[in-house]
Amino acid sequence: MKKTATTAAPTTTVACPQCGATVVWTSASHWKPFCSERCKLLDLGAWANESYRVAGVETADVSEIEDALAAFSSGASRPH
């Protein structure tokens, strides 16, 4: 009987988004993708302080939207 070589599944690692430390991606990694609770809380605090921004298109001012709706409701923007 021949012995077969067993190959271990490749280990996935990621960099902690806060400090850059290597984090092994397993069920035992409680704070993934962060390396620790501290890094997780620092990142959460940055979001809460609005230090991070999600890119997007600048929206119209609310008063511009209200004026456009009022004009439409009065019939000014309706086609003839």
PDB file of N, CA and C in Angstrom:
ATOM      1  N   MET A   1       0.840  -1.176   0.000  1.00  0.00           N
ATOM      2  CA  MET A   1       0.000   0.000   0.000  1.00  0.00           C
ATOM      3  C   MET A   1       0.888   1.243   0.000  1.00  0.00           C
ATOM      4  N   LYS A   2       0.584   2.154  -0.923  1.00  0.00           N
ATOM      5  CA  LYS A   2       1.367   3.379  -1.046  1.00  0.00           C
ATOM      6  C   LYS A   2       0.788   4.463  -0.161  1.00  0.00           C
ATOM      7  N   LYS A   3       1.674   5.235   0.409  1.00  0.00           N
ATOM      8  CA  LYS A   3       1.238   6.411   1.166  1.00  0.00           C
ATOM      9  C   LYS A   3       1.046   7.571   0.201  1.00  0.00           C
ATOM     10  N   THR A   4      -0.036   8.269   0.373  1.00  0.00           N
ATOM     11  CA  THR A   4      -0.257   9.445  -0.469  1.00  0.00           C
ATOM     12  C   THR A   4       0.099  10.692   0.318  1.00  0.00           C
ATOM     13  N   ALA A   5       0.683  11.606  -0.363  1.00  0.00           N
ATOM     14  CA  ALA A   5       1.061  12.867   0.282  1.00  0.00           C
ATOM     15  C   ALA A   5      -0.184  13.716   0.468  1.00  0.00           C
ATOM     16  N   THR A   6      -0.337  14.233   1.636  1.00  0.00           N
ATOM     17  CA  THR A   6      -1.468  15.123   1.889  1.00  0.00           C
ATOM     18  C   THR A   6      -0.983  16.558   1.760  1.00  0.00           C
ATOM     19  N   THR A   7      -1.775  17.339   1.084  1.00  0.00           N
ATOM     20  CA  THR A   7      -1.409  18.746   0.941  1.00  0.00           C
ATOM     21  C   THR A   7      -2.385  19.578   1.753  1.00  0.00           C
ATOM     22  N   ALA A   8      -1.851  20.463   2.493  1.00  0.00           N
ATOM     23  CA  ALA A   8      -2.681  21.353   3.304  1.00  0.00           C
ATOM     24  C   ALA A   8      -3.263  22.436   2.413  1.00  0.00           C
ATOM     25  N   ALA A   9      -4.453  22.850   2.748  1.00  0.00           N
ATOM     26  CA  ALA A   9      -5.082  23.940   1.997  1.00  0.00           C
ATOM     27  C   ALA A   9      -4.253  25.200   2.179  1.00  0.00           C
ATOM     28  N   PRO A  10      -4.144  25.994   1.130  1.00  0.00           N
ATOM     29  CA  PRO A  10      -3.356  27.223   1.265  1.00  0.00           C
ATOM     30  C   PRO A  10      -3.982  28.155   2.313  1.00  0.00           C
ATOM     31  N   THR A  11      -3.133  28.797   3.048  1.00  0.00           N
ATOM     32  CA  THR A  11      -3.589  29.718   4.090  1.00  0.00           C
ATOM     33  C   THR A  11      -3.766  31.102   3.491  1.00  0.00           C
ATOM     34  N   THR A  12      -4.937  31.677   3.739  1.00  0.00           N
ATOM     35  CA  THR A  12      -5.201  33.028   3.249  1.00  0.00           C
ATOM     36  C   THR A  12      -4.785  34.022   4.313  1.00  0.00           C
ATOM     37  N   THR A  13      -4.018  35.007   3.897  1.00  0.00           N
ATOM     38  CA  THR A  13      -3.634  36.076   4.810  1.00  0.00           C
ATOM     39  C   THR A  13      -4.023  37.414   4.185  1.00  0.00           C
ATOM     40  N   VAL A  14      -4.348  38.349   5.040  1.00  0.00           N
ATOM     41  CA  VAL A  14      -4.680  39.706   4.595  1.00  0.00           C
ATOM     42  C   VAL A  14      -3.921  40.684   5.478  1.00  0.00           C
ATOM     43  N   ALA A  15      -3.825  41.903   5.019  1.00  0.00           N
ATOM     44  CA  ALA A  15      -3.198  42.955   5.816  1.00  0.00           C
ATOM     45  C   ALA A  15      -4.285  43.650   6.628  1.00  0.00           C
ATOM     46  N   CYS A  16      -4.025  43.900   7.881  1.00  0.00           N
ATOM     47  CA  CYS A  16      -4.949  44.636   8.733  1.00  0.00           C
ATOM     48  C   CYS A  16      -5.166  46.014   8.105  1.00  0.00           C
ATOM     49  N   PRO A  17      -6.426  46.418   7.876  1.00  0.00           N
ATOM     50  CA  PRO A  17      -6.678  47.712   7.244  1.00  0.00           C
ATOM     51  C   PRO A  17      -6.199  48.909   8.072  1.00  0.00           C
ATOM     52  N   GLN A  18      -6.013  48.709   9.363  1.00  0.00           N
ATOM     53  CA  GLN A  18      -5.615  49.823  10.226  1.00  0.00           C
ATOM     54  C   GLN A  18      -4.105  49.955  10.343  1.00  0.00           C
ATOM     55  N   CYS A  19      -3.429  48.842  10.659  1.00  0.00           N
ATOM     56  CA  CYS A  19      -1.978  48.939  10.924  1.00  0.00           C
ATOM     57  C   CYS A  19      -1.115  48.199   9.913  1.00  0.00           C
ATOM     58  N   GLY A  20      -1.726  47.357   9.085  1.00  0.00           N
ATOM     59  CA  GLY A  20      -0.971  46.646   8.062  1.00  0.00           C
ATOM     60  C   GLY A  20      -0.391  45.316   8.497  1.00  0.00           C
ATOM     61  N   ALA A  21      -0.612  44.906   9.748  1.00  0.00           N
ATOM     62  CA  ALA A  21      -0.101  43.619  10.227  1.00  0.00           C
ATOM     63  C   ALA A  21      -0.753  42.477   9.452  1.00  0.00           C
ATOM     64  N   THR A  22      -0.041  41.365   9.326  1.00  0.00           N
ATOM     65  CA  THR A  22      -0.569  40.205   8.626  1.00  0.00           C
ATOM     66  C   THR A  22      -1.581  39.488   9.507  1.00  0.00           C
ATOM     67  N   VAL A  23      -2.754  39.183   8.921  1.00  0.00           N
ATOM     68  CA  VAL A  23      -3.827  38.492   9.638  1.00  0.00           C
ATOM     69  C   VAL A  23      -4.135  37.215   8.877  1.00  0.00           C
ATOM     70  N   VAL A  24      -4.105  36.070   9.580  1.00  0.00           N
ATOM     71  CA  VAL A  24      -4.462  34.800   8.969  1.00  0.00           C
ATOM     72  C   VAL A  24      -5.984  34.716   8.966  1.00  0.00           C
ATOM     73  N   TRP A  25      -6.568  34.455   7.778  1.00  0.00           N
ATOM     74  CA  TRP A  25      -8.030  34.464   7.610  1.00  0.00           C
ATOM     75  C   TRP A  25      -8.578  33.075   7.931  1.00  0.00           C
ATOM     76  N   THR A  26      -8.900  32.862   9.210  1.00  0.00           N
ATOM     77  CA  THR A  26      -9.502  31.603   9.656  1.00  0.00           C
ATOM     78  C   THR A  26     -10.637  31.924  10.608  1.00  0.00           C
ATOM     79  N   SER A  27     -11.400  30.900  10.958  1.00  0.00           N
ATOM     80  CA  SER A  27     -12.490  31.104  11.914  1.00  0.00           C
ATOM     81  C   SER A  27     -11.956  31.451  13.302  1.00  0.00           C
ATOM     82  N   ALA A  28     -10.696  31.152  13.562  1.00  0.00           N
ATOM     83  CA  ALA A  28     -10.087  31.472  14.852  1.00  0.00           C
ATOM     84  C   ALA A  28      -9.677  32.948  14.960  1.00  0.00           C
ATOM     85  N   SER A  29      -9.663  33.640  13.837  1.00  0.00           N
ATOM     86  CA  SER A  29      -9.293  35.062  13.840  1.00  0.00           C
ATOM     87  C   SER A  29     -10.534  35.882  14.186  1.00  0.00           C
ATOM     88  N   HIS A  30     -10.682  36.219  15.440  1.00  0.00           N
ATOM     89  CA  HIS A  30     -11.901  36.870  15.930  1.00  0.00           C
ATOM     90  C   HIS A  30     -12.123  38.276  15.385  1.00  0.00           C
ATOM     91  N   TRP A  31     -11.071  38.987  15.052  1.00  0.00           N
ATOM     92  CA  TRP A  31     -11.215  40.395  14.665  1.00  0.00           C
ATOM     93  C   TRP A  31     -11.017  40.615  13.173  1.00  0.00           C
ATOM     94  N   LYS A  32     -10.963  39.540  12.380  1.00  0.00           N
ATOM     95  CA  LYS A  32     -10.678  39.694  10.956  1.00  0.00           C
ATOM     96  C   LYS A  32     -11.638  40.660  10.296  1.00  0.00           C
ATOM     97  N   PRO A  33     -11.213  41.493   9.409  1.00  0.00           N
ATOM     98  CA  PRO A  33      -9.889  41.559   8.795  1.00  0.00           C
ATOM     99  C   PRO A  33      -8.867  42.316   9.639  1.00  0.00           C
ATOM    100  N   PHE A  34      -9.249  42.739  10.846  1.00  0.00           N
ATOM    101  CA  PHE A  34      -8.323  43.468  11.716  1.00  0.00           C
ATOM    102  C   PHE A  34      -7.489  42.489  12.526  1.00  0.00           C
ATOM    103  N   CYS A  35      -6.344  42.950  12.996  1.00  0.00           N
ATOM    104  CA  CYS A  35      -5.464  42.080  13.778  1.00  0.00           C
ATOM    105  C   CYS A  35      -5.864  42.039  15.248  1.00  0.00           C
ATOM    106  N   SER A  36      -6.606  43.048  15.700  1.00  0.00           N
ATOM    107  CA  SER A  36      -6.972  43.108  17.118  1.00  0.00           C
ATOM    108  C   SER A  36      -8.232  43.952  17.302  1.00  0.00           C
ATOM    109  N   GLU A  37      -8.777  43.868  18.487  1.00  0.00           N
ATOM    110  CA  GLU A  37      -9.942  44.693  18.811  1.00  0.00           C
ATOM    111  C   GLU A  37      -9.581  46.176  18.755  1.00  0.00           C
ATOM    112  N   ARG A  38      -8.365  46.497  19.169  1.00  0.00           N
ATOM    113  CA  ARG A  38      -7.919  47.893  19.150  1.00  0.00           C
ATOM    114  C   ARG A  38      -7.982  48.475  17.735  1.00  0.00           C
ATOM    115  N   CYS A  39      -7.442  47.736  16.762  1.00  0.00           N
ATOM    116  CA  CYS A  39      -7.464  48.223  15.375  1.00  0.00           C
ATOM    117  C   CYS A  39      -8.900  48.326  14.866  1.00  0.00           C
ATOM    118  N   LYS A  40      -9.741  47.384  15.243  1.00  0.00           N
ATOM    119  CA  LYS A  40     -11.139  47.426  14.833  1.00  0.00           C
ATOM    120  C   LYS A  40     -11.817  48.681  15.375  1.00  0.00           C
ATOM    121  N   LEU A  41     -11.588  48.989  16.651  1.00  0.00           N
ATOM    122  CA  LEU A  41     -12.212  50.158  17.267  1.00  0.00           C
ATOM    123  C   LEU A  41     -11.644  51.468  16.730  1.00  0.00           C
ATOM    124  N   LEU A  42     -10.354  51.493  16.419  1.00  0.00           N
ATOM    125  CA  LEU A  42      -9.768  52.691  15.808  1.00  0.00           C
ATOM    126  C   LEU A  42     -10.411  52.970  14.453  1.00  0.00           C
ATOM    127  N   ASP A  43     -10.635  51.921  13.666  1.00  0.00           N
ATOM    128  CA  ASP A  43     -11.263  52.073  12.364  1.00  0.00           C
ATOM    129  C   ASP A  43     -12.715  52.534  12.517  1.00  0.00           C
ATOM    130  N   LEU A  44     -13.438  51.954  13.447  1.00  0.00           N
ATOM    131  CA  LEU A  44     -14.820  52.355  13.695  1.00  0.00           C
ATOM    132  C   LEU A  44     -14.886  53.820  14.122  1.00  0.00           C
ATOM    133  N   GLY A  45     -13.960  54.233  14.980  1.00  0.00           N
ATOM    134  CA  GLY A  45     -13.904  55.623  15.411  1.00  0.00           C
ATOM    135  C   GLY A  45     -13.642  56.579  14.261  1.00  0.00           C
ATOM    136  N   ALA A  46     -12.801  56.171  13.315  1.00  0.00           N
ATOM    137  CA  ALA A  46     -12.512  57.014  12.149  1.00  0.00           C
ATOM    138  C   ALA A  46     -13.778  57.191  11.306  1.00  0.00           C
ATOM    139  N   TRP A  47     -14.562  56.121  11.147  1.00  0.00           N
ATOM    140  CA  TRP A  47     -15.834  56.241  10.413  1.00  0.00           C
ATOM    141  C   TRP A  47     -16.796  57.150  11.167  1.00  0.00           C
ATOM    142  N   ALA A  48     -16.887  56.978  12.485  1.00  0.00           N
ATOM    143  CA  ALA A  48     -17.805  57.781  13.299  1.00  0.00           C
ATOM    144  C   ALA A  48     -17.434  59.265  13.261  1.00  0.00           C
ATOM    145  N   ASN A  49     -16.145  59.570  13.177  1.00  0.00           N
ATOM    146  CA  ASN A  49     -15.686  60.963  13.099  1.00  0.00           C
ATOM    147  C   ASN A  49     -15.711  61.509  11.680  1.00  0.00           C
ATOM    148  N   GLU A  50     -16.202  60.705  10.744  1.00  0.00           N
ATOM    149  CA  GLU A  50     -16.268  61.060   9.325  1.00  0.00           C
ATOM    150  C   GLU A  50     -14.896  61.345   8.729  1.00  0.00           C
ATOM    151  N   SER A  51     -13.875  60.630   9.221  1.00  0.00           N
ATOM    152  CA  SER A  51     -12.538  60.751   8.648  1.00  0.00           C
ATOM    153  C   SER A  51     -12.454  60.054   7.301  1.00  0.00           C
ATOM    154  N   TYR A  52     -13.283  59.036   7.107  1.00  0.00           N
ATOM    155  CA  TYR A  52     -13.345  58.320   5.837  1.00  0.00           C
ATOM    156  C   TYR A  52     -14.518  58.858   5.040  1.00  0.00           C
ATOM    157  N   ARG A  53     -14.376  58.897   3.757  1.00  0.00           N
ATOM    158  CA  ARG A  53     -15.445  59.364   2.872  1.00  0.00           C
ATOM    159  C   ARG A  53     -15.616  58.356   1.744  1.00  0.00           C
ATOM    160  N   VAL A  54     -16.830  58.128   1.367  1.00  0.00           N
ATOM    161  CA  VAL A  54     -17.127  57.300   0.210  1.00  0.00           C
ATOM    162  C   VAL A  54     -17.305  58.245  -0.965  1.00  0.00           C
ATOM    163  N   ALA A  55     -16.548  58.001  -2.023  1.00  0.00           N
ATOM    164  CA  ALA A  55     -16.609  58.875  -3.197  1.00  0.00           C
ATOM    165  C   ALA A  55     -18.001  58.832  -3.814  1.00  0.00           C
ATOM    166  N   GLY A  56     -18.443  59.961  -4.294  1.00  0.00           N
ATOM    167  CA  GLY A  56     -19.746  60.029  -4.930  1.00  0.00           C
ATOM    168  C   GLY A  56     -19.930  61.358  -5.626  1.00  0.00           C
ATOM    169  N   VAL A  57     -21.050  61.499  -6.252  1.00  0.00           N
ATOM    170  CA  VAL A  57     -21.384  62.714  -6.974  1.00  0.00           C
ATOM    171  C   VAL A  57     -22.058  63.676  -5.999  1.00  0.00           C
ATOM    172  N   GLU A  58     -21.682  64.926  -6.079  1.00  0.00           N
ATOM    173  CA  GLU A  58     -22.290  65.927  -5.218  1.00  0.00           C
ATOM    174  C   GLU A  58     -23.753  66.088  -5.618  1.00  0.00           C
ATOM    175  N   THR A  59     -24.614  66.085  -4.640  1.00  0.00           N
ATOM    176  CA  THR A  59     -26.046  66.180  -4.921  1.00  0.00           C
ATOM    177  C   THR A  59     -26.501  67.628  -4.920  1.00  0.00           C
ATOM    178  N   ALA A  60     -27.674  67.847  -5.492  1.00  0.00           N
ATOM    179  CA  ALA A  60     -28.246  69.195  -5.541  1.00  0.00           C
ATOM    180  C   ALA A  60     -28.674  69.633  -4.152  1.00  0.00           C
ATOM    181  N   ASP A  61     -28.701  70.919  -3.958  1.00  0.00           N
ATOM    182  CA  ASP A  61     -29.165  71.495  -2.704  1.00  0.00           C
ATOM    183  C   ASP A  61     -30.661  71.208  -2.560  1.00  0.00           C
ATOM    184  N   VAL A  62     -31.128  70.950  -1.358  1.00  0.00           N
ATOM    185  CA  VAL A  62     -32.530  70.631  -1.103  1.00  0.00           C
ATOM    186  C   VAL A  62     -33.449  71.739  -1.605  1.00  0.00           C
ATOM    187  N   SER A  63     -33.048  72.988  -1.459  1.00  0.00           N
ATOM    188  CA  SER A  63     -33.894  74.095  -1.911  1.00  0.00           C
ATOM    189  C   SER A  63     -34.068  74.065  -3.428  1.00  0.00           C
ATOM    190  N   GLU A  64     -33.034  73.646  -4.170  1.00  0.00           N
ATOM    191  CA  GLU A  64     -33.148  73.527  -5.626  1.00  0.00           C
ATOM    192  C   GLU A  64     -34.166  72.452  -6.000  1.00  0.00           C
ATOM    193  N   ILE A  65     -34.155  71.351  -5.280  1.00  0.00           N
ATOM    194  CA  ILE A  65     -35.100  70.272  -5.546  1.00  0.00           C
ATOM    195  C   ILE A  65     -36.520  70.720  -5.226  1.00  0.00           C
ATOM    196  N   GLU A  66     -36.700  71.415  -4.096  1.00  0.00           N
ATOM    197  CA  GLU A  66     -38.031  71.906  -3.730  1.00  0.00           C
ATOM    198  C   GLU A  66     -38.548  72.906  -4.755  1.00  0.00           C
ATOM    199  N   ASP A  67     -37.681  73.798  -5.250  1.00  0.00           N
ATOM    200  CA  ASP A  67     -38.088  74.772  -6.269  1.00  0.00           C
ATOM    201  C   ASP A  67     -38.510  74.065  -7.561  1.00  0.00           C
ATOM    202  N   ALA A  68     -37.762  73.046  -7.954  1.00  0.00           N
ATOM    203  CA  ALA A  68     -38.094  72.304  -9.169  1.00  0.00           C
ATOM    204  C   ALA A  68     -39.421  71.571  -9.018  1.00  0.00           C
ATOM    205  N   LEU A  69     -39.659  70.988  -7.852  1.00  0.00           N
ATOM    206  CA  LEU A  69     -40.934  70.306  -7.613  1.00  0.00           C
ATOM    207  C   LEU A  69     -42.095  71.288  -7.603  1.00  0.00           C
ATOM    208  N   ALA A  70     -41.899  72.452  -7.007  1.00  0.00           N
ATOM    209  CA  ALA A  70     -42.946  73.460  -6.964  1.00  0.00           C
ATOM    210  C   ALA A  70     -43.263  73.947  -8.372  1.00  0.00           C
ATOM    211  N   ALA A  71     -42.245  74.162  -9.206  1.00  0.00           N
ATOM    212  CA  ALA A  71     -42.444  74.602 -10.575  1.00  0.00           C
ATOM    213  C   ALA A  71     -43.192  73.538 -11.374  1.00  0.00           C
ATOM    214  N   PHE A  72     -42.853  72.293 -11.169  1.00  0.00           N
ATOM    215  CA  PHE A  72     -43.515  71.202 -11.870  1.00  0.00           C
ATOM    216  C   PHE A  72     -44.985  71.102 -11.429  1.00  0.00           C
ATOM    217  N   SER A  73     -45.225  71.228 -10.135  1.00  0.00           N
ATOM    218  CA  SER A  73     -46.588  71.133  -9.604  1.00  0.00           C
ATOM    219  C   SER A  73     -47.482  72.257 -10.114  1.00  0.00           C
ATOM    220  N   SER A  74     -46.907  73.435 -10.340  1.00  0.00           N
ATOM    221  CA  SER A  74     -47.684  74.571 -10.822  1.00  0.00           C
ATOM    222  C   SER A  74     -47.922  74.519 -12.324  1.00  0.00           C
ATOM    223  N   GLY A  75     -47.315  73.578 -13.000  1.00  0.00           N
ATOM    224  CA  GLY A  75     -47.513  73.423 -14.434  1.00  0.00           C
ATOM    225  C   GLY A  75     -46.493  74.158 -15.266  1.00  0.00           C
ATOM    226  N   ALA A  76     -45.557  74.800 -14.678  1.00  0.00           N
ATOM    227  CA  ALA A  76     -44.561  75.577 -15.426  1.00  0.00           C
ATOM    228  C   ALA A  76     -43.663  74.690 -16.280  1.00  0.00           C
ATOM    229  N   SER A  77     -43.411  73.469 -15.850  1.00  0.00           N
ATOM    230  CA  SER A  77     -42.495  72.590 -16.577  1.00  0.00           C
ATOM    231  C   SER A  77     -43.220  71.571 -17.442  1.00  0.00           C
ATOM    232  N   ARG A  78     -44.542  71.612 -17.485  1.00  0.00           N
ATOM    233  CA  ARG A  78     -45.297  70.616 -18.255  1.00  0.00           C
ATOM    234  C   ARG A  78     -45.274  70.963 -19.734  1.00  0.00           C
ATOM    235  N   PRO A  79     -45.108  69.928 -20.580  1.00  0.00           N
ATOM    236  CA  PRO A  79     -45.146  70.191 -22.025  1.00  0.00           C
ATOM    237  C   PRO A  79     -46.544  70.519 -22.478  1.00  0.00           C
ATOM    238  N   HIS A  80     -46.677  71.303 -23.530  1.00  0.00           N
ATOM    239  CA  HIS A  80     -47.983  71.727 -24.046  1.00  0.00           C
ATOM    240  C   HIS A  80     -48.519  70.759 -25.054  1.00  0.00           C
TER     241      HIS A  80
END
